[in-house]
N, C-alpha and C. Protein backbone atom coordinates (compact mmCIF):
# COMPACT_ATOMS: atom_id res chain seq x y z
N MET A 1 44.53 121.19 59.80
CA MET A 1 43.58 120.25 60.32
C MET A 1 43.21 119.29 59.53
N ALA A 2 43.31 118.18 60.27
CA ALA A 2 43.42 116.82 59.36
C ALA A 2 41.55 116.79 58.83
N ALA A 3 40.98 117.37 59.70
CA ALA A 3 39.26 117.14 59.00
C ALA A 3 39.55 117.91 57.12
N ALA A 4 40.56 118.49 57.16
CA ALA A 4 40.23 119.18 55.55
C ALA A 4 40.90 117.90 54.77
N HIS A 5 41.30 117.20 54.88
CA HIS A 5 41.66 116.08 54.47
C HIS A 5 40.45 114.89 53.71
N VAL A 6 39.27 115.16 54.42
CA VAL A 6 38.12 114.55 54.17
C VAL A 6 36.99 115.42 53.93
N ALA A 7 36.16 115.06 52.84
CA ALA A 7 34.85 115.40 52.43
C ALA A 7 34.12 115.28 53.64
N ALA A 8 33.10 116.63 53.62
CA ALA A 8 32.31 117.06 54.56
C ALA A 8 31.15 115.51 55.00
N THR A 9 30.67 115.29 53.82
CA THR A 9 30.03 113.89 54.58
C THR A 9 30.98 112.48 54.44
N GLY A 10 31.99 112.69 54.06
CA GLY A 10 33.22 111.47 54.24
C GLY A 10 33.45 110.54 55.08
N VAL A 11 34.37 109.76 55.71
CA VAL A 11 34.45 108.88 57.05
C VAL A 11 36.09 108.64 56.92
N VAL A 12 36.48 108.85 58.24
CA VAL A 12 37.68 108.43 58.23
C VAL A 12 37.93 107.06 59.40
N ILE A 13 39.04 106.24 58.24
CA ILE A 13 39.03 105.33 59.14
C ILE A 13 40.47 105.08 59.71
N GLY A 14 40.42 104.38 60.95
CA GLY A 14 41.83 104.88 61.54
C GLY A 14 42.10 103.66 62.40
N GLU A 15 43.21 103.55 63.25
CA GLU A 15 43.91 102.57 64.00
C GLU A 15 44.80 103.14 64.93
N THR A 16 44.30 102.94 66.21
CA THR A 16 44.91 103.11 67.54
C THR A 16 45.52 101.72 68.19
N TYR A 17 46.55 102.04 69.03
CA TYR A 17 46.80 101.07 69.93
C TYR A 17 46.25 100.78 71.51
N PRO A 18 45.55 100.25 71.97
CA PRO A 18 44.55 100.00 73.35
C PRO A 18 45.71 100.05 74.36
N PRO A 19 45.52 101.20 75.45
CA PRO A 19 46.46 101.08 76.71
C PRO A 19 46.93 99.89 76.96
N GLY A 20 45.75 98.69 77.17
CA GLY A 20 46.65 97.61 77.84
C GLY A 20 47.00 96.73 76.88
N ARG A 21 47.41 96.92 75.25
CA ARG A 21 47.83 95.65 74.78
C ARG A 21 49.62 95.74 75.27
N ASP A 22 50.11 94.85 74.78
CA ASP A 22 51.12 94.16 75.45
C ASP A 22 52.20 93.86 74.11
N PRO A 23 52.79 95.06 73.47
CA PRO A 23 52.84 94.55 72.10
C PRO A 23 54.52 93.44 72.04
N ALA A 24 55.11 93.59 73.54
CA ALA A 24 56.47 92.57 73.66
C ALA A 24 55.93 91.07 73.23
N ALA A 25 54.66 90.78 73.39
CA ALA A 25 54.24 89.58 73.51
C ALA A 25 54.16 89.05 72.10
N SER A 26 54.22 89.82 71.12
CA SER A 26 53.85 89.53 69.52
C SER A 26 55.00 89.73 68.85
N VAL A 27 56.24 90.02 69.80
CA VAL A 27 57.30 90.37 68.58
C VAL A 27 58.08 88.73 68.31
N GLY A 28 58.04 88.81 66.77
CA GLY A 28 58.59 87.77 66.15
C GLY A 28 57.59 86.91 65.78
N ARG A 29 56.44 86.64 66.32
CA ARG A 29 55.24 86.02 65.83
C ARG A 29 54.71 86.37 64.69
N PRO A 30 54.89 85.87 63.32
CA PRO A 30 53.67 86.42 62.53
C PRO A 30 52.40 86.22 62.23
N SER A 31 51.72 87.50 61.77
CA SER A 31 50.32 86.97 61.75
C SER A 31 50.11 87.16 60.43
N HIS A 32 48.72 87.23 59.66
CA HIS A 32 48.11 87.07 58.44
C HIS A 32 47.13 88.13 58.51
N LEU A 33 47.12 88.98 57.28
CA LEU A 33 46.08 89.60 56.77
C LEU A 33 45.60 89.47 55.92
N GLY A 34 44.68 88.78 54.93
CA GLY A 34 44.56 88.49 53.67
C GLY A 34 45.76 87.98 53.27
N ASP A 35 46.30 88.27 52.00
CA ASP A 35 47.82 87.61 51.62
C ASP A 35 48.96 87.90 52.33
N ALA A 36 48.84 89.36 53.49
CA ALA A 36 50.04 89.81 53.52
C ALA A 36 50.78 88.97 55.29
N GLU A 37 51.89 88.93 55.22
CA GLU A 37 52.36 88.39 56.33
C GLU A 37 52.83 89.39 57.07
N ILE A 38 52.65 89.50 58.82
CA ILE A 38 52.76 90.78 59.36
C ILE A 38 53.46 90.52 60.68
N THR A 39 54.84 90.99 60.69
CA THR A 39 55.58 90.23 61.99
C THR A 39 56.47 91.49 62.61
N LEU A 40 55.86 91.65 64.14
CA LEU A 40 56.52 92.43 65.02
C LEU A 40 57.83 92.45 65.03
N ARG A 41 58.75 92.96 64.48
CA ARG A 41 60.33 93.00 64.70
C ARG A 41 60.70 93.56 65.99
N ARG A 42 60.27 94.44 66.53
CA ARG A 42 60.78 94.65 68.02
C ARG A 42 59.75 96.07 68.16
N ALA A 43 59.77 96.18 69.50
CA ALA A 43 58.38 96.94 70.30
C ALA A 43 59.51 97.69 71.76
N ARG A 44 59.08 98.76 71.66
CA ARG A 44 59.28 99.36 73.08
C ARG A 44 58.29 100.30 73.55
N ARG A 45 57.98 100.01 74.59
CA ARG A 45 57.02 101.12 75.41
C ARG A 45 57.93 102.36 76.66
N ASP A 46 57.57 103.70 75.85
CA ASP A 46 58.18 104.58 76.85
C ASP A 46 57.03 105.41 77.52
N GLY A 47 56.48 104.84 78.57
CA GLY A 47 54.91 106.06 78.88
C GLY A 47 54.03 105.32 77.76
N ASP A 48 53.63 106.60 77.66
CA ASP A 48 52.57 106.32 76.32
C ASP A 48 52.53 106.13 74.99
N LEU A 49 54.03 106.28 75.00
CA LEU A 49 54.89 106.17 73.78
C LEU A 49 55.38 104.46 73.05
N LEU A 50 54.81 104.19 71.97
CA LEU A 50 55.10 103.24 71.32
C LEU A 50 55.89 103.07 70.33
N SER A 51 57.10 102.71 70.31
CA SER A 51 58.42 102.33 69.38
C SER A 51 58.62 101.17 68.73
N ALA A 52 58.53 100.87 67.43
CA ALA A 52 58.37 99.69 66.81
C ALA A 52 58.74 99.27 65.41
N GLU A 53 58.94 98.29 64.97
CA GLU A 53 59.43 98.06 63.58
C GLU A 53 58.68 96.86 63.07
N VAL A 54 58.34 96.83 61.73
CA VAL A 54 57.33 95.62 61.59
C VAL A 54 57.67 95.33 60.14
N ARG A 55 57.69 94.09 59.91
CA ARG A 55 57.98 93.80 58.45
C ARG A 55 56.45 92.85 57.99
N TYR A 56 56.07 93.44 56.77
CA TYR A 56 55.42 93.17 55.74
C TYR A 56 55.93 92.37 54.50
N GLY A 57 55.35 91.46 54.54
CA GLY A 57 55.59 90.33 53.37
C GLY A 57 54.27 90.00 52.47
N VAL A 58 54.12 89.98 50.94
CA VAL A 58 53.45 89.67 50.33
C VAL A 58 54.23 89.08 48.63
N ASP A 59 53.43 87.99 48.16
CA ASP A 59 53.71 87.35 47.36
C ASP A 59 55.40 87.89 46.94
N GLY A 60 56.51 87.34 48.04
CA GLY A 60 57.67 87.29 47.93
C GLY A 60 58.46 88.41 47.96
N ARG A 61 57.55 89.76 48.19
CA ARG A 61 58.34 91.10 48.50
C ARG A 61 58.09 91.56 50.07
N SER A 62 58.81 92.29 50.20
CA SER A 62 58.57 92.28 51.59
C SER A 62 59.16 94.08 51.99
N TRP A 63 59.05 94.73 52.97
CA TRP A 63 59.30 95.87 53.31
C TRP A 63 58.86 96.16 54.84
N VAL A 64 59.79 97.32 55.56
CA VAL A 64 60.01 97.14 56.81
C VAL A 64 59.70 98.39 57.14
N GLN A 65 58.16 98.59 58.03
CA GLN A 65 58.13 100.05 58.76
C GLN A 65 58.80 100.28 60.08
N THR A 66 59.04 101.17 60.40
CA THR A 66 59.52 102.06 61.58
C THR A 66 58.65 102.79 62.24
N PHE A 67 58.36 103.26 63.39
CA PHE A 67 57.08 104.25 63.69
C PHE A 67 57.03 104.45 65.07
N THR A 68 56.55 105.58 65.70
CA THR A 68 56.40 105.65 67.01
C THR A 68 55.02 106.12 66.92
N ALA A 69 54.46 105.51 67.77
CA ALA A 69 52.89 105.83 68.09
C ALA A 69 52.55 106.31 69.78
N ARG A 70 51.24 107.13 69.87
CA ARG A 70 51.07 107.16 71.10
C ARG A 70 49.42 106.56 71.38
N ILE A 71 50.25 105.57 72.76
CA ILE A 71 49.18 104.71 73.14
C ILE A 71 48.05 105.95 74.07
N LEU A 72 46.46 105.55 73.34
CA LEU A 72 45.44 106.61 73.81
C LEU A 72 44.68 106.12 74.09
N ASP A 73 44.00 106.09 75.39
CA ASP A 73 42.49 105.52 75.78
C ASP A 73 41.66 106.52 74.89
N GLU A 74 40.14 106.02 74.76
CA GLU A 74 38.95 106.47 74.49
C GLU A 74 38.39 107.89 74.72
N ALA A 75 39.07 108.93 75.10
CA ALA A 75 38.78 109.66 76.06
C ALA A 75 39.72 110.73 75.50
N ALA A 76 41.05 110.43 75.37
CA ALA A 76 42.31 110.66 74.78
C ALA A 76 42.19 111.29 73.46
N LEU A 77 41.40 109.51 72.73
CA LEU A 77 41.48 109.54 71.14
C LEU A 77 40.17 110.98 70.66
N VAL A 78 39.46 110.60 71.67
CA VAL A 78 37.86 111.37 70.80
C VAL A 78 38.71 112.95 71.11
N ALA A 79 39.54 113.77 72.03
CA ALA A 79 39.88 114.70 72.49
C ALA A 79 40.42 115.06 71.02
N LEU A 80 41.48 114.24 71.11
CA LEU A 80 42.73 114.28 69.86
C LEU A 80 41.33 114.70 68.36
N LEU A 81 40.87 113.76 68.11
CA LEU A 81 39.83 113.80 66.75
C LEU A 81 39.29 115.50 67.38
N ASP A 82 38.55 115.69 67.96
CA ASP A 82 38.26 116.71 68.29
C ASP A 82 38.69 117.82 67.62
N ASN A 83 40.07 118.01 68.39
CA ASN A 83 40.83 119.02 68.11
C ASN A 83 40.97 119.15 66.46
N ALA A 84 41.06 118.08 65.53
CA ALA A 84 41.17 118.08 64.16
C ALA A 84 40.36 118.12 63.56
N GLY A 85 39.07 118.34 64.50
CA GLY A 85 38.03 118.93 63.49
C GLY A 85 36.93 117.63 62.94
N LEU A 86 37.11 116.99 64.08
CA LEU A 86 36.74 115.50 63.36
C LEU A 86 36.17 114.92 64.86
N LYS A 87 34.71 113.93 64.81
CA LYS A 87 33.85 113.46 65.80
C LYS A 87 33.80 111.92 65.17
N PHE A 88 34.56 111.47 66.62
CA PHE A 88 34.50 109.78 66.80
C PHE A 88 33.17 109.34 66.06
N GLY A 89 33.57 108.08 65.55
CA GLY A 89 32.04 107.71 65.01
C GLY A 89 31.94 106.26 65.98
N GLY A 90 32.73 105.57 66.60
CA GLY A 90 32.80 104.10 66.96
C GLY A 90 33.92 103.41 66.85
N TRP A 91 34.07 102.38 67.63
CA TRP A 91 34.65 100.90 67.21
C TRP A 91 34.44 100.13 66.16
N LEU A 92 35.33 99.77 65.43
CA LEU A 92 34.79 99.03 64.23
C LEU A 92 35.22 97.23 65.01
N PRO A 93 34.89 96.26 64.01
CA PRO A 93 34.79 95.20 64.53
C PRO A 93 36.18 94.59 65.18
N ARG A 94 37.34 95.09 64.16
CA ARG A 94 38.30 94.63 64.29
C ARG A 94 39.41 95.22 65.31
N PRO A 95 39.72 94.66 66.50
CA PRO A 95 40.36 95.60 67.29
C PRO A 95 41.29 96.71 67.05
N GLY A 96 40.81 97.68 67.76
CA GLY A 96 42.07 99.27 67.95
C GLY A 96 41.43 100.16 66.59
N TRP A 97 40.73 99.59 65.66
CA TRP A 97 40.07 100.54 64.36
C TRP A 97 39.07 100.98 64.94
N PHE A 98 38.93 102.28 64.17
CA PHE A 98 37.80 103.06 64.74
C PHE A 98 37.07 104.37 63.17
N SER A 99 35.96 104.61 63.22
CA SER A 99 35.88 105.70 62.37
C SER A 99 35.50 106.79 63.11
N ALA A 100 35.70 108.07 62.13
CA ALA A 100 35.58 109.55 62.92
C ALA A 100 34.81 109.88 61.22
N ARG A 101 33.89 110.98 61.93
CA ARG A 101 33.43 111.74 60.29
C ARG A 101 34.03 113.35 61.17
N PRO A 102 33.71 113.91 59.69
CA PRO A 102 33.97 115.61 60.04
C PRO A 102 32.81 116.27 60.80
N ARG A 103 33.11 117.04 61.80
CA ARG A 103 32.03 117.83 63.05
C ARG A 103 31.26 118.52 62.00
N GLN A 104 30.04 118.45 62.20
CA GLN A 104 28.91 119.91 61.32
C GLN A 104 29.28 120.73 62.09
N GLY A 105 29.10 121.43 60.45
CA GLY A 105 29.66 122.90 60.75
C GLY A 105 30.64 123.40 60.94
N ARG A 106 32.09 122.79 60.47
CA ARG A 106 33.08 122.79 60.13
C ARG A 106 33.53 123.69 59.08
N ALA A 107 34.34 124.52 58.93
CA ALA A 107 34.69 125.11 57.60
C ALA A 107 35.36 124.64 56.57
N THR A 108 35.16 124.31 55.69
CA THR A 108 35.90 123.42 54.38
C THR A 108 36.84 124.27 53.66
N PRO A 109 37.89 123.57 53.17
CA PRO A 109 38.89 124.15 52.50
C PRO A 109 38.35 125.29 51.82
N GLY A 110 39.17 126.34 51.86
CA GLY A 110 38.97 127.59 50.88
C GLY A 110 37.76 128.25 51.72
N SER A 111 37.00 128.15 52.62
CA SER A 111 35.84 129.05 52.89
C SER A 111 36.78 129.80 54.13
N SER A 112 35.89 130.58 54.57
CA SER A 112 36.44 131.80 55.39
C SER A 112 36.23 130.81 56.85
N GLY A 113 35.42 130.02 57.52
CA GLY A 113 35.12 129.61 58.54
C GLY A 113 35.46 130.25 59.71
N SER A 114 34.60 130.37 60.72
CA SER A 114 34.36 131.64 61.49
C SER A 114 34.52 130.63 63.15
């Protein structure tokens, strides 16, 4: 259970890709976050799945991350978090980023939980 990885009073910060996002429009266009240059090298949507490859560069070093992510609307995100023992906390100022907290009364690691 995902909630087992956060303290009962902790917070989870996550990122999701909004349903209306068109990743193809961003392919090959570098963006910057602090000192990091981020370039989406390829992206393909198949239904609610996004498969992509991103290049990150900082201080002359770079690495590539390949991933597949599920595109979720807010209702699907809330349901997924609930199933993982978390409660949706709301959207953060940066698009696609959200917070979540452990549900009240959840079992903690090592407890019997009922």
